[in-house]
Amino acid sequence: MKIVAAIIKPFKLDEVRDALTSVGVHGMTVTEVKGYGRQKGHTEIYRGAEYAVSFLPKLKIEVAVPPDLVGPTVEAIGAAARTGQIGDGKIFVSSLDQAIRIRTGERDLDAL
């Protein structure tokens, strides 16, 4: 089992969710996060004063998938979240040792 975590622009959430559903991924966790990458934030003008915004609002999506769905999941997220502009985000894949569904006690792939 794998955890696929993606940092995306907030307005891309619905497109990513639809893309994941189309490849058979059901269920995700979404967290509002802030951060920056190569763009290192930006400046904004508010009431005539210029402010540096170092941390930009992003969403972190996490999905647990069986090994055979990792490729399609990564491709679906990448295609749906891509705008071609700086700050589109990142996708991370890591191993998942164990999953347990609390309600039934099912474990591992059955819990997904």
PDB file of N, CA and C in Angstrom:
ATOM      1  N   MET A   1       0.839  -1.174   0.000  1.00  0.00           N
ATOM      2  CA  MET A   1       0.000   0.000   0.000  1.00  0.00           C
ATOM      3  C   MET A   1       0.884   1.238   0.000  1.00  0.00           C
ATOM      4  N   LYS A   2       0.345   2.286  -0.580  1.00  0.00           N
ATOM      5  CA  LYS A   2       1.084   3.545  -0.687  1.00  0.00           C
ATOM      6  C   LYS A   2       0.190   4.705  -0.279  1.00  0.00           C
ATOM      7  N   ILE A   3       0.837   5.766   0.209  1.00  0.00           N
ATOM      8  CA  ILE A   3       0.164   7.041   0.449  1.00  0.00           C
ATOM      9  C   ILE A   3       0.628   7.982  -0.650  1.00  0.00           C
ATOM     10  N   VAL A   4      -0.315   8.565  -1.360  1.00  0.00           N
ATOM     11  CA  VAL A   4       0.000   9.581  -2.356  1.00  0.00           C
ATOM     12  C   VAL A   4      -0.466  10.908  -1.770  1.00  0.00           C
ATOM     13  N   ALA A   5       0.481  11.815  -1.575  1.00  0.00           N
ATOM     14  CA  ALA A   5       0.189  13.147  -1.033  1.00  0.00           C
ATOM     15  C   ALA A   5       0.506  14.167  -2.113  1.00  0.00           C
ATOM     16  N   ALA A   6      -0.381  15.111  -2.298  1.00  0.00           N
ATOM     17  CA  ALA A   6      -0.181  16.137  -3.314  1.00  0.00           C
ATOM     18  C   ALA A   6      -0.470  17.501  -2.721  1.00  0.00           C
ATOM     19  N   ILE A   7       0.375  18.459  -3.042  1.00  0.00           N
ATOM     20  CA  ILE A   7       0.160  19.857  -2.679  1.00  0.00           C
ATOM     21  C   ILE A   7      -0.301  20.550  -3.957  1.00  0.00           C
ATOM     22  N   ILE A   8      -1.506  21.120  -3.928  1.00  0.00           N
ATOM     23  CA  ILE A   8      -2.071  21.714  -5.142  1.00  0.00           C
ATOM     24  C   ILE A   8      -2.625  23.108  -4.852  1.00  0.00           C
ATOM     25  N   LYS A   9      -2.932  23.822  -5.918  1.00  0.00           N
ATOM     26  CA  LYS A   9      -3.606  25.114  -5.785  1.00  0.00           C
ATOM     27  C   LYS A   9      -5.056  24.859  -5.385  1.00  0.00           C
ATOM     28  N   PRO A  10      -5.604  25.689  -4.491  1.00  0.00           N
ATOM     29  CA  PRO A  10      -6.953  25.424  -3.969  1.00  0.00           C
ATOM     30  C   PRO A  10      -8.053  25.325  -5.027  1.00  0.00           C
ATOM     31  N   PHE A  11      -7.985  26.119  -6.078  1.00  0.00           N
ATOM     32  CA  PHE A  11      -9.070  26.108  -7.062  1.00  0.00           C
ATOM     33  C   PHE A  11      -9.060  24.867  -7.951  1.00  0.00           C
ATOM     34  N   LYS A  12      -8.070  24.004  -7.802  1.00  0.00           N
ATOM     35  CA  LYS A  12      -7.978  22.783  -8.589  1.00  0.00           C
ATOM     36  C   LYS A  12      -8.582  21.565  -7.882  1.00  0.00           C
ATOM     37  N   LEU A  13      -9.105  21.741  -6.675  1.00  0.00           N
ATOM     38  CA  LEU A  13      -9.581  20.614  -5.876  1.00  0.00           C
ATOM     39  C   LEU A  13     -10.669  19.809  -6.584  1.00  0.00           C
ATOM     40  N   ASP A  14     -11.694  20.461  -7.114  1.00  0.00           N
ATOM     41  CA  ASP A  14     -12.788  19.724  -7.746  1.00  0.00           C
ATOM     42  C   ASP A  14     -12.306  18.920  -8.944  1.00  0.00           C
ATOM     43  N   GLU A  15     -11.414  19.487  -9.745  1.00  0.00           N
ATOM     44  CA  GLU A  15     -10.890  18.772 -10.901  1.00  0.00           C
ATOM     45  C   GLU A  15     -10.086  17.547 -10.465  1.00  0.00           C
ATOM     46  N   VAL A  16      -9.292  17.703  -9.413  1.00  0.00           N
ATOM     47  CA  VAL A  16      -8.487  16.575  -8.916  1.00  0.00           C
ATOM     48  C   VAL A  16      -9.394  15.493  -8.351  1.00  0.00           C
ATOM     49  N   ARG A  17     -10.397  15.889  -7.591  1.00  0.00           N
ATOM     50  CA  ARG A  17     -11.333  14.904  -7.021  1.00  0.00           C
ATOM     51  C   ARG A  17     -12.030  14.116  -8.127  1.00  0.00           C
ATOM     52  N   ASP A  18     -12.493  14.796  -9.162  1.00  0.00           N
ATOM     53  CA  ASP A  18     -13.155  14.112 -10.275  1.00  0.00           C
ATOM     54  C   ASP A  18     -12.190  13.167 -10.996  1.00  0.00           C
ATOM     55  N   ALA A  19     -10.942  13.597 -11.181  1.00  0.00           N
ATOM     56  CA  ALA A  19      -9.942  12.762 -11.851  1.00  0.00           C
ATOM     57  C   ALA A  19      -9.646  11.514 -11.028  1.00  0.00           C
ATOM     58  N   LEU A  20      -9.548  11.658  -9.715  1.00  0.00           N
ATOM     59  CA  LEU A  20      -9.281  10.495  -8.857  1.00  0.00           C
ATOM     60  C   LEU A  20     -10.455   9.523  -8.866  1.00  0.00           C
ATOM     61  N   THR A  21     -11.660  10.045  -8.838  1.00  0.00           N
ATOM     62  CA  THR A  21     -12.837   9.179  -8.888  1.00  0.00           C
ATOM     63  C   THR A  21     -12.867   8.392 -10.194  1.00  0.00           C
ATOM     64  N   SER A  22     -12.461   9.026 -11.286  1.00  0.00           N
ATOM     65  CA  SER A  22     -12.495   8.357 -12.590  1.00  0.00           C
ATOM     66  C   SER A  22     -11.481   7.213 -12.703  1.00  0.00           C
ATOM     67  N   VAL A  23     -10.404   7.246 -11.900  1.00  0.00           N
ATOM     68  CA  VAL A  23      -9.439   6.134 -11.935  1.00  0.00           C
ATOM     69  C   VAL A  23      -9.685   5.114 -10.826  1.00  0.00           C
ATOM     70  N   GLY A  24     -10.759   5.296 -10.051  1.00  0.00           N
ATOM     71  CA  GLY A  24     -11.127   4.310  -9.044  1.00  0.00           C
ATOM     72  C   GLY A  24     -10.635   4.579  -7.643  1.00  0.00           C
ATOM     73  N   VAL A  25     -10.182   5.802  -7.386  1.00  0.00           N
ATOM     74  CA  VAL A  25      -9.748   6.162  -6.036  1.00  0.00           C
ATOM     75  C   VAL A  25     -10.930   6.814  -5.329  1.00  0.00           C
ATOM     76  N   HIS A  26     -11.370   6.200  -4.244  1.00  0.00           N
ATOM     77  CA  HIS A  26     -12.517   6.719  -3.510  1.00  0.00           C
ATOM     78  C   HIS A  26     -12.074   7.058  -2.094  1.00  0.00           C
ATOM     79  N   GLY A  27     -12.269   8.291  -1.711  1.00  0.00           N
ATOM     80  CA  GLY A  27     -11.893   8.745  -0.382  1.00  0.00           C
ATOM     81  C   GLY A  27     -10.567   9.460  -0.401  1.00  0.00           C
ATOM     82  N   MET A  28     -10.532  10.601   0.244  1.00  0.00           N
ATOM     83  CA  MET A  28      -9.295  11.375   0.346  1.00  0.00           C
ATOM     84  C   MET A  28      -9.380  12.259   1.567  1.00  0.00           C
ATOM     85  N   THR A  29      -8.245  12.700   2.009  1.00  0.00           N
ATOM     86  CA  THR A  29      -8.160  13.675   3.087  1.00  0.00           C
ATOM     87  C   THR A  29      -7.599  14.952   2.501  1.00  0.00           C
ATOM     88  N   VAL A  30      -8.255  16.075   2.806  1.00  0.00           N
ATOM     89  CA  VAL A  30      -7.819  17.376   2.300  1.00  0.00           C
ATOM     90  C   VAL A  30      -7.531  18.277   3.492  1.00  0.00           C
ATOM     91  N   THR A  31      -6.371  18.902   3.468  1.00  0.00           N
ATOM     92  CA  THR A  31      -5.952  19.803   4.531  1.00  0.00           C
ATOM     93  C   THR A  31      -5.554  21.139   3.919  1.00  0.00           C
ATOM     94  N   GLU A  32      -6.005  22.228   4.520  1.00  0.00           N
ATOM     95  CA  GLU A  32      -5.558  23.549   4.087  1.00  0.00           C
ATOM     96  C   GLU A  32      -4.181  23.801   4.674  1.00  0.00           C
ATOM     97  N   VAL A  33      -3.218  24.106   3.813  1.00  0.00           N
ATOM     98  CA  VAL A  33      -1.839  24.332   4.249  1.00  0.00           C
ATOM     99  C   VAL A  33      -1.321  25.622   3.624  1.00  0.00           C
ATOM    100  N   LYS A  34      -0.185  26.077   4.103  1.00  0.00           N
ATOM    101  CA  LYS A  34       0.490  27.226   3.521  1.00  0.00           C
ATOM    102  C   LYS A  34       1.940  26.855   3.296  1.00  0.00           C
ATOM    103  N   GLY A  35       2.514  27.409   2.244  1.00  0.00           N
ATOM    104  CA  GLY A  35       3.908  27.103   1.983  1.00  0.00           C
ATOM    105  C   GLY A  35       4.412  27.864   0.780  1.00  0.00           C
ATOM    106  N   TYR A  36       5.647  27.562   0.423  1.00  0.00           N
ATOM    107  CA  TYR A  36       6.218  28.153  -0.780  1.00  0.00           C
ATOM    108  C   TYR A  36       7.280  27.221  -1.327  1.00  0.00           C
ATOM    109  N   GLY A  37       7.533  27.387  -2.603  1.00  0.00           N
ATOM    110  CA  GLY A  37       8.581  26.616  -3.268  1.00  0.00           C
ATOM    111  C   GLY A  37       9.525  27.586  -3.933  1.00  0.00           C
ATOM    112  N   ARG A  38       9.772  27.364  -5.195  1.00  0.00           N
ATOM    113  CA  ARG A  38      10.687  28.231  -5.921  1.00  0.00           C
ATOM    114  C   ARG A  38      10.176  29.649  -6.085  1.00  0.00           C
ATOM    115  N   GLN A  39       8.840  29.827  -6.061  1.00  0.00           N
ATOM    116  CA  GLN A  39       8.311  31.177  -6.261  1.00  0.00           C
ATOM    117  C   GLN A  39       8.532  32.069  -5.041  1.00  0.00           C
ATOM    118  N   LYS A  40       8.830  31.491  -3.894  1.00  0.00           N
ATOM    119  CA  LYS A  40       9.162  32.220  -2.663  1.00  0.00           C
ATOM    120  C   LYS A  40       8.141  33.285  -2.294  1.00  0.00           C
ATOM    121  N   GLY A  41       6.867  33.000  -2.508  1.00  0.00           N
ATOM    122  CA  GLY A  41       5.811  33.946  -2.141  1.00  0.00           C
ATOM    123  C   GLY A  41       5.673  35.044  -3.172  1.00  0.00           C
ATOM    124  N   HIS A  42       4.975  36.111  -2.797  1.00  0.00           N
ATOM    125  CA  HIS A  42       4.786  37.246  -3.683  1.00  0.00           C
ATOM    126  C   HIS A  42       4.462  38.480  -2.850  1.00  0.00           C
ATOM    127  N   THR A  43       4.332  39.626  -3.491  1.00  0.00           N
ATOM    128  CA  THR A  43       3.981  40.849  -2.776  1.00  0.00           C
ATOM    129  C   THR A  43       2.570  41.261  -3.150  1.00  0.00           C
ATOM    130  N   GLU A  44       1.878  41.853  -2.199  1.00  0.00           N
ATOM    131  CA  GLU A  44       0.537  42.371  -2.417  1.00  0.00           C
ATOM    132  C   GLU A  44       0.479  43.797  -1.907  1.00  0.00           C
ATOM    133  N   ILE A  45      -0.417  44.570  -2.497  1.00  0.00           N
ATOM    134  CA  ILE A  45      -0.616  45.943  -2.037  1.00  0.00           C
ATOM    135  C   ILE A  45      -1.977  46.011  -1.362  1.00  0.00           C
ATOM    136  N   TYR A  46      -1.977  46.465  -0.115  1.00  0.00           N
ATOM    137  CA  TYR A  46      -3.209  46.595   0.660  1.00  0.00           C
ATOM    138  C   TYR A  46      -3.247  47.994   1.258  1.00  0.00           C
ATOM    139  N   ARG A  47      -4.256  48.751   0.907  1.00  0.00           N
ATOM    140  CA  ARG A  47      -4.422  50.129   1.375  1.00  0.00           C
ATOM    141  C   ARG A  47      -3.168  50.959   1.140  1.00  0.00           C
ATOM    142  N   GLY A  48      -2.600  50.792  -0.020  1.00  0.00           N
ATOM    143  CA  GLY A  48      -1.449  51.596  -0.411  1.00  0.00           C
ATOM    144  C   GLY A  48      -0.109  51.123   0.101  1.00  0.00           C
ATOM    145  N   ALA A  49      -0.094  50.130   0.962  1.00  0.00           N
ATOM    146  CA  ALA A  49       1.175  49.615   1.502  1.00  0.00           C
ATOM    147  C   ALA A  49       1.477  48.266   0.865  1.00  0.00           C
ATOM    148  N   GLU A  50       2.723  48.014   0.589  1.00  0.00           N
ATOM    149  CA  GLU A  50       3.148  46.762  -0.025  1.00  0.00           C
ATOM    150  C   GLU A  50       3.547  45.770   1.064  1.00  0.00           C
ATOM    151  N   TYR A  51       3.022  44.555   0.965  1.00  0.00           N
ATOM    152  CA  TYR A  51       3.306  43.502   1.933  1.00  0.00           C
ATOM    153  C   TYR A  51       3.889  42.293   1.214  1.00  0.00           C
ATOM    154  N   ALA A  52       4.842  41.656   1.854  1.00  0.00           N
ATOM    155  CA  ALA A  52       5.400  40.412   1.323  1.00  0.00           C
ATOM    156  C   ALA A  52       4.599  39.243   1.892  1.00  0.00           C
ATOM    157  N   VAL A  53       4.060  38.431   1.025  1.00  0.00           N
ATOM    158  CA  VAL A  53       3.336  37.234   1.439  1.00  0.00           C
ATOM    159  C   VAL A  53       4.278  36.057   1.192  1.00  0.00           C
ATOM    160  N   SER A  54       4.862  35.558   2.280  1.00  0.00           N
ATOM    161  CA  SER A  54       5.871  34.509   2.157  1.00  0.00           C
ATOM    162  C   SER A  54       5.266  33.122   1.982  1.00  0.00           C
ATOM    163  N   PHE A  55       4.118  32.881   2.591  1.00  0.00           N
ATOM    164  CA  PHE A  55       3.495  31.568   2.535  1.00  0.00           C
ATOM    165  C   PHE A  55       2.186  31.667   1.768  1.00  0.00           C
ATOM    166  N   LEU A  56       2.083  30.889   0.705  1.00  0.00           N
ATOM    167  CA  LEU A  56       0.905  30.925  -0.146  1.00  0.00           C
ATOM    168  C   LEU A  56      -0.076  29.835   0.261  1.00  0.00           C
ATOM    169  N   PRO A  57      -1.381  30.095   0.148  1.00  0.00           N
ATOM    170  CA  PRO A  57      -2.370  29.071   0.509  1.00  0.00           C
ATOM    171  C   PRO A  57      -2.372  27.930  -0.507  1.00  0.00           C
ATOM    172  N   LYS A  58      -2.354  26.722  -0.009  1.00  0.00           N
ATOM    173  CA  LYS A  58      -2.373  25.509  -0.831  1.00  0.00           C
ATOM    174  C   LYS A  58      -3.292  24.494  -0.163  1.00  0.00           C
ATOM    175  N   LEU A  59      -3.564  23.406  -0.857  1.00  0.00           N
ATOM    176  CA  LEU A  59      -4.280  22.276  -0.290  1.00  0.00           C
ATOM    177  C   LEU A  59      -3.380  21.052  -0.357  1.00  0.00           C
ATOM    178  N   LYS A  60      -3.424  20.254   0.693  1.00  0.00           N
ATOM    179  CA  LYS A  60      -2.703  18.982   0.698  1.00  0.00           C
ATOM    180  C   LYS A  60      -3.738  17.868   0.633  1.00  0.00           C
ATOM    181  N   ILE A  61      -3.612  17.047  -0.387  1.00  0.00           N
ATOM    182  CA  ILE A  61      -4.512  15.916  -0.582  1.00  0.00           C
ATOM    183  C   ILE A  61      -3.736  14.650  -0.267  1.00  0.00           C
ATOM    184  N   GLU A  62      -4.344  13.754   0.509  1.00  0.00           N
ATOM    185  CA  GLU A  62      -3.715  12.477   0.820  1.00  0.00           C
ATOM    186  C   GLU A  62      -4.687  11.351   0.496  1.00  0.00           C
ATOM    187  N   VAL A  63      -4.205  10.358  -0.257  1.00  0.00           N
ATOM    188  CA  VAL A  63      -5.011   9.188  -0.568  1.00  0.00           C
ATOM    189  C   VAL A  63      -4.172   7.936  -0.341  1.00  0.00           C
ATOM    190  N   ALA A  64      -4.802   6.921   0.212  1.00  0.00           N
ATOM    191  CA  ALA A  64      -4.153   5.626   0.393  1.00  0.00           C
ATOM    192  C   ALA A  64      -4.627   4.732  -0.743  1.00  0.00           C
ATOM    193  N   VAL A  65      -3.676   4.131  -1.461  1.00  0.00           N
ATOM    194  CA  VAL A  65      -4.031   3.317  -2.631  1.00  0.00           C
ATOM    195  C   VAL A  65      -3.247   2.015  -2.638  1.00  0.00           C
ATOM    196  N   PRO A  66      -3.811   0.991  -3.275  1.00  0.00           N
ATOM    197  CA  PRO A  66      -3.042  -0.239  -3.462  1.00  0.00           C
ATOM    198  C   PRO A  66      -1.929   0.000  -4.476  1.00  0.00           C
ATOM    199  N   PRO A  67      -0.903  -0.815  -4.484  1.00  0.00           N
ATOM    200  CA  PRO A  67       0.249  -0.586  -5.364  1.00  0.00           C
ATOM    201  C   PRO A  67      -0.099  -0.457  -6.851  1.00  0.00           C
ATOM    202  N   ASP A  68      -1.106  -1.185  -7.315  1.00  0.00           N
ATOM    203  CA  ASP A  68      -1.443  -1.131  -8.742  1.00  0.00           C
ATOM    204  C   ASP A  68      -2.120   0.168  -9.156  1.00  0.00           C
ATOM    205  N   LEU A  69      -2.580   0.967  -8.192  1.00  0.00           N
ATOM    206  CA  LEU A  69      -3.233   2.243  -8.515  1.00  0.00           C
ATOM    207  C   LEU A  69      -2.316   3.448  -8.357  1.00  0.00           C
ATOM    208  N   VAL A  70      -1.067   3.242  -7.959  1.00  0.00           N
ATOM    209  CA  VAL A  70      -0.160   4.374  -7.737  1.00  0.00           C
ATOM    210  C   VAL A  70       0.065   5.161  -9.031  1.00  0.00           C
ATOM    211  N   GLY A  71       0.401   4.484 -10.103  1.00  0.00           N
ATOM    212  CA  GLY A  71       0.653   5.160 -11.378  1.00  0.00           C
ATOM    213  C   GLY A  71      -0.536   5.959 -11.875  1.00  0.00           C
ATOM    214  N   PRO A  72      -1.726   5.320 -11.998  1.00  0.00           N
ATOM    215  CA  PRO A  72      -2.892   6.074 -12.437  1.00  0.00           C
ATOM    216  C   PRO A  72      -3.266   7.229 -11.506  1.00  0.00           C
ATOM    217  N   THR A  73      -3.048   7.051 -10.208  1.00  0.00           N
ATOM    218  CA  THR A  73      -3.353   8.109  -9.243  1.00  0.00           C
ATOM    219  C   THR A  73      -2.444   9.313  -9.454  1.00  0.00           C
ATOM    220  N   VAL A  74      -1.152   9.065  -9.581  1.00  0.00           N
ATOM    221  CA  VAL A  74      -0.190  10.143  -9.793  1.00  0.00           C
ATOM    222  C   VAL A  74      -0.486  10.864 -11.111  1.00  0.00           C
ATOM    223  N   GLU A  75      -0.763  10.103 -12.161  1.00  0.00           N
ATOM    224  CA  GLU A  75      -1.074  10.707 -13.463  1.00  0.00           C
ATOM    225  C   GLU A  75      -2.342  11.546 -13.402  1.00  0.00           C
ATOM    226  N   ALA A  76      -3.370  11.048 -12.716  1.00  0.00           N
ATOM    227  CA  ALA A  76      -4.640  11.777 -12.620  1.00  0.00           C
ATOM    228  C   ALA A  76      -4.464  13.092 -11.865  1.00  0.00           C
ATOM    229  N   ILE A  77      -3.738  13.044 -10.754  1.00  0.00           N
ATOM    230  CA  ILE A  77      -3.506  14.267  -9.980  1.00  0.00           C
ATOM    231  C   ILE A  77      -2.684  15.256 -10.798  1.00  0.00           C
ATOM    232  N   GLY A  78      -1.625  14.786 -11.417  1.00  0.00           N
ATOM    233  CA  GLY A  78      -0.763  15.661 -12.205  1.00  0.00           C
ATOM    234  C   GLY A  78      -1.501  16.342 -13.336  1.00  0.00           C
ATOM    235  N   ALA A  79      -2.307  15.583 -14.068  1.00  0.00           N
ATOM    236  CA  ALA A  79      -3.040  16.156 -15.202  1.00  0.00           C
ATOM    237  C   ALA A  79      -4.109  17.143 -14.743  1.00  0.00           C
ATOM    238  N   ALA A  80      -4.808  16.809 -13.663  1.00  0.00           N
ATOM    239  CA  ALA A  80      -5.901  17.670 -13.207  1.00  0.00           C
ATOM    240  C   ALA A  80      -5.408  18.928 -12.507  1.00  0.00           C
ATOM    241  N   ALA A  81      -4.265  18.865 -11.835  1.00  0.00           N
ATOM    242  CA  ALA A  81      -3.776  20.010 -11.057  1.00  0.00           C
ATOM    243  C   ALA A  81      -2.883  20.943 -11.869  1.00  0.00           C
ATOM    244  N   ARG A  82      -2.461  20.520 -13.043  1.00  0.00           N
ATOM    245  CA  ARG A  82      -1.498  21.295 -13.831  1.00  0.00           C
ATOM    246  C   ARG A  82      -2.148  22.526 -14.454  1.00  0.00           C
ATOM    247  N   THR A  83      -1.527  23.697 -14.227  1.00  0.00           N
ATOM    248  CA  THR A  83      -1.927  24.927 -14.913  1.00  0.00           C
ATOM    249  C   THR A  83      -0.827  25.396 -15.854  1.00  0.00           C
ATOM    250  N   GLY A  84       0.384  24.883 -15.660  1.00  0.00           N
ATOM    251  CA  GLY A  84       1.516  25.312 -16.456  1.00  0.00           C
ATOM    252  C   GLY A  84       2.220  26.526 -15.875  1.00  0.00           C
ATOM    253  N   GLN A  85       1.723  27.021 -14.756  1.00  0.00           N
ATOM    254  CA  GLN A  85       2.314  28.182 -14.098  1.00  0.00           C
ATOM    255  C   GLN A  85       3.136  27.724 -12.898  1.00  0.00           C
ATOM    256  N   ILE A  86       4.036  28.583 -12.464  1.00  0.00           N
ATOM    257  CA  ILE A  86       4.833  28.279 -11.280  1.00  0.00           C
ATOM    258  C   ILE A  86       3.900  28.137 -10.076  1.00  0.00           C
ATOM    259  N   GLY A  87       4.212  27.188  -9.201  1.00  0.00           N
ATOM    260  CA  GLY A  87       3.404  26.981  -7.999  1.00  0.00           C
ATOM    261  C   GLY A  87       2.303  25.949  -8.153  1.00  0.00           C
ATOM    262  N   ASP A  88       2.354  25.132  -9.219  1.00  0.00           N
ATOM    263  CA  ASP A  88       1.334  24.098  -9.416  1.00  0.00           C
ATOM    264  C   ASP A  88       1.354  23.054  -8.309  1.00  0.00           C
ATOM    265  N   GLY A  89       2.494  22.841  -7.666  1.00  0.00           N
ATOM    266  CA  GLY A  89       2.543  21.930  -6.534  1.00  0.00           C
ATOM    267  C   GLY A  89       3.483  20.754  -6.741  1.00  0.00           C
ATOM    268  N   LYS A  90       3.336  19.775  -5.866  1.00  0.00           N
ATOM    269  CA  LYS A  90       4.184  18.587  -5.870  1.00  0.00           C
ATOM    270  C   LYS A  90       3.330  17.367  -5.531  1.00  0.00           C
ATOM    271  N   ILE A  91       3.828  16.203  -5.943  1.00  0.00           N
ATOM    272  CA  ILE A  91       3.207  14.929  -5.588  1.00  0.00           C
ATOM    273  C   ILE A  91       4.276  14.068  -4.926  1.00  0.00           C
ATOM    274  N   PHE A  92       3.933  13.480  -3.790  1.00  0.00           N
ATOM    275  CA  PHE A  92       4.848  12.613  -3.054  1.00  0.00           C
ATOM    276  C   PHE A  92       4.209  11.238  -2.888  1.00  0.00           C
ATOM    277  N   VAL A  93       5.001  10.188  -3.046  1.00  0.00           N
ATOM    278  CA  VAL A  93       4.517   8.819  -2.848  1.00  0.00           C
ATOM    279  C   VAL A  93       5.378   8.183  -1.770  1.00  0.00           C
ATOM    280  N   SER A  94       4.729   7.623  -0.761  1.00  0.00           N
ATOM    281  CA  SER A  94       5.475   6.952   0.306  1.00  0.00           C
ATOM    282  C   SER A  94       4.778   5.648   0.675  1.00  0.00           C
ATOM    283  N   SER A  95       5.509   4.779   1.334  1.00  0.00           N
ATOM    284  CA  SER A  95       4.982   3.473   1.728  1.00  0.00           C
ATOM    285  C   SER A  95       4.031   3.602   2.911  1.00  0.00           C
ATOM    286  N   LEU A  96       3.063   2.717   2.932  1.00  0.00           N
ATOM    287  CA  LEU A  96       2.096   2.655   4.021  1.00  0.00           C
ATOM    288  C   LEU A  96       2.184   1.253   4.608  1.00  0.00           C
ATOM    289  N   ASP A  97       2.608   1.158   5.852  1.00  0.00           N
ATOM    290  CA  ASP A  97       2.829  -0.149   6.468  1.00  0.00           C
ATOM    291  C   ASP A  97       1.538  -0.856   6.851  1.00  0.00           C
ATOM    292  N   GLN A  98       0.570  -0.098   7.356  1.00  0.00           N
ATOM    293  CA  GLN A  98      -0.638  -0.741   7.839  1.00  0.00           C
ATOM    294  C   GLN A  98      -1.802   0.235   7.773  1.00  0.00           C
ATOM    295  N   ALA A  99      -2.985  -0.279   7.459  1.00  0.00           N
ATOM    296  CA  ALA A  99      -4.215   0.513   7.479  1.00  0.00           C
ATOM    297  C   ALA A  99      -5.272  -0.301   8.218  1.00  0.00           C
ATOM    298  N   ILE A 100      -6.042   0.375   9.060  1.00  0.00           N
ATOM    299  CA  ILE A 100      -7.084  -0.297   9.836  1.00  0.00           C
ATOM    300  C   ILE A 100      -8.348   0.548   9.771  1.00  0.00           C
ATOM    301  N   ARG A 101      -9.458  -0.061   9.356  1.00  0.00           N
ATOM    302  CA  ARG A 101     -10.747   0.624   9.391  1.00  0.00           C
ATOM    303  C   ARG A 101     -11.293   0.483  10.806  1.00  0.00           C
ATOM    304  N   ILE A 102     -11.495   1.596  11.468  1.00  0.00           N
ATOM    305  CA  ILE A 102     -11.892   1.595  12.875  1.00  0.00           C
ATOM    306  C   ILE A 102     -13.243   0.914  13.079  1.00  0.00           C
ATOM    307  N   ARG A 103     -14.213   1.205  12.236  1.00  0.00           N
ATOM    308  CA  ARG A 103     -15.572   0.675  12.416  1.00  0.00           C
ATOM    309  C   ARG A 103     -15.615  -0.849  12.395  1.00  0.00           C
ATOM    310  N   THR A 104     -14.903  -1.469  11.448  1.00  0.00           N
ATOM    311  CA  THR A 104     -15.022  -2.925  11.273  1.00  0.00           C
ATOM    312  C   THR A 104     -13.795  -3.701  11.714  1.00  0.00           C
ATOM    313  N   GLY A 105     -12.676  -3.010  11.877  1.00  0.00           N
ATOM    314  CA  GLY A 105     -11.435  -3.711  12.216  1.00  0.00           C
ATOM    315  C   GLY A 105     -10.735  -4.287  11.004  1.00  0.00           C
ATOM    316  N   GLU A 106     -11.241  -4.049   9.793  1.00  0.00           N
ATOM    317  CA  GLU A 106     -10.584  -4.555   8.594  1.00  0.00           C
ATOM    318  C   GLU A 106      -9.185  -3.964   8.505  1.00  0.00           C
ATOM    319  N   ARG A 107      -8.289  -4.736   7.918  1.00  0.00           N
ATOM    320  CA  ARG A 107      -6.894  -4.311   7.859  1.00  0.00           C
ATOM    321  C   ARG A 107      -6.370  -4.283   6.439  1.00  0.00           C
ATOM    322  N   ASP A 108      -5.386  -3.420   6.245  1.00  0.00           N
ATOM    323  CA  ASP A 108      -4.605  -3.302   5.024  1.00  0.00           C
ATOM    324  C   ASP A 108      -5.485  -3.046   3.811  1.00  0.00           C
ATOM    325  N   LEU A 109      -5.350  -3.843   2.735  1.00  0.00           N
ATOM    326  CA  LEU A 109      -6.103  -3.538   1.514  1.00  0.00           C
ATOM    327  C   LEU A 109      -7.607  -3.574   1.719  1.00  0.00           C
ATOM    328  N   ASP A 110      -8.084  -4.427   2.621  1.00  0.00           N
ATOM    329  CA  ASP A 110      -9.526  -4.476   2.902  1.00  0.00           C
ATOM    330  C   ASP A 110     -10.009  -3.184   3.563  1.00  0.00           C
ATOM    331  N   ALA A 111      -9.119  -2.495   4.255  1.00  0.00           N
ATOM    332  CA  ALA A 111      -9.474  -1.257   4.950  1.00  0.00           C
ATOM    333  C   ALA A 111      -9.550  -0.067   3.995  1.00  0.00           C
ATOM    334  N   LEU A 112      -8.908  -0.198   2.833  1.00  0.00           N
ATOM    335  CA  LEU A 112      -8.942   0.895   1.868  1.00  0.00           C
ATOM    336  C   LEU A 112     -10.287   0.911   1.185  1.00  0.00           C
TER     337      LEU A 112
END
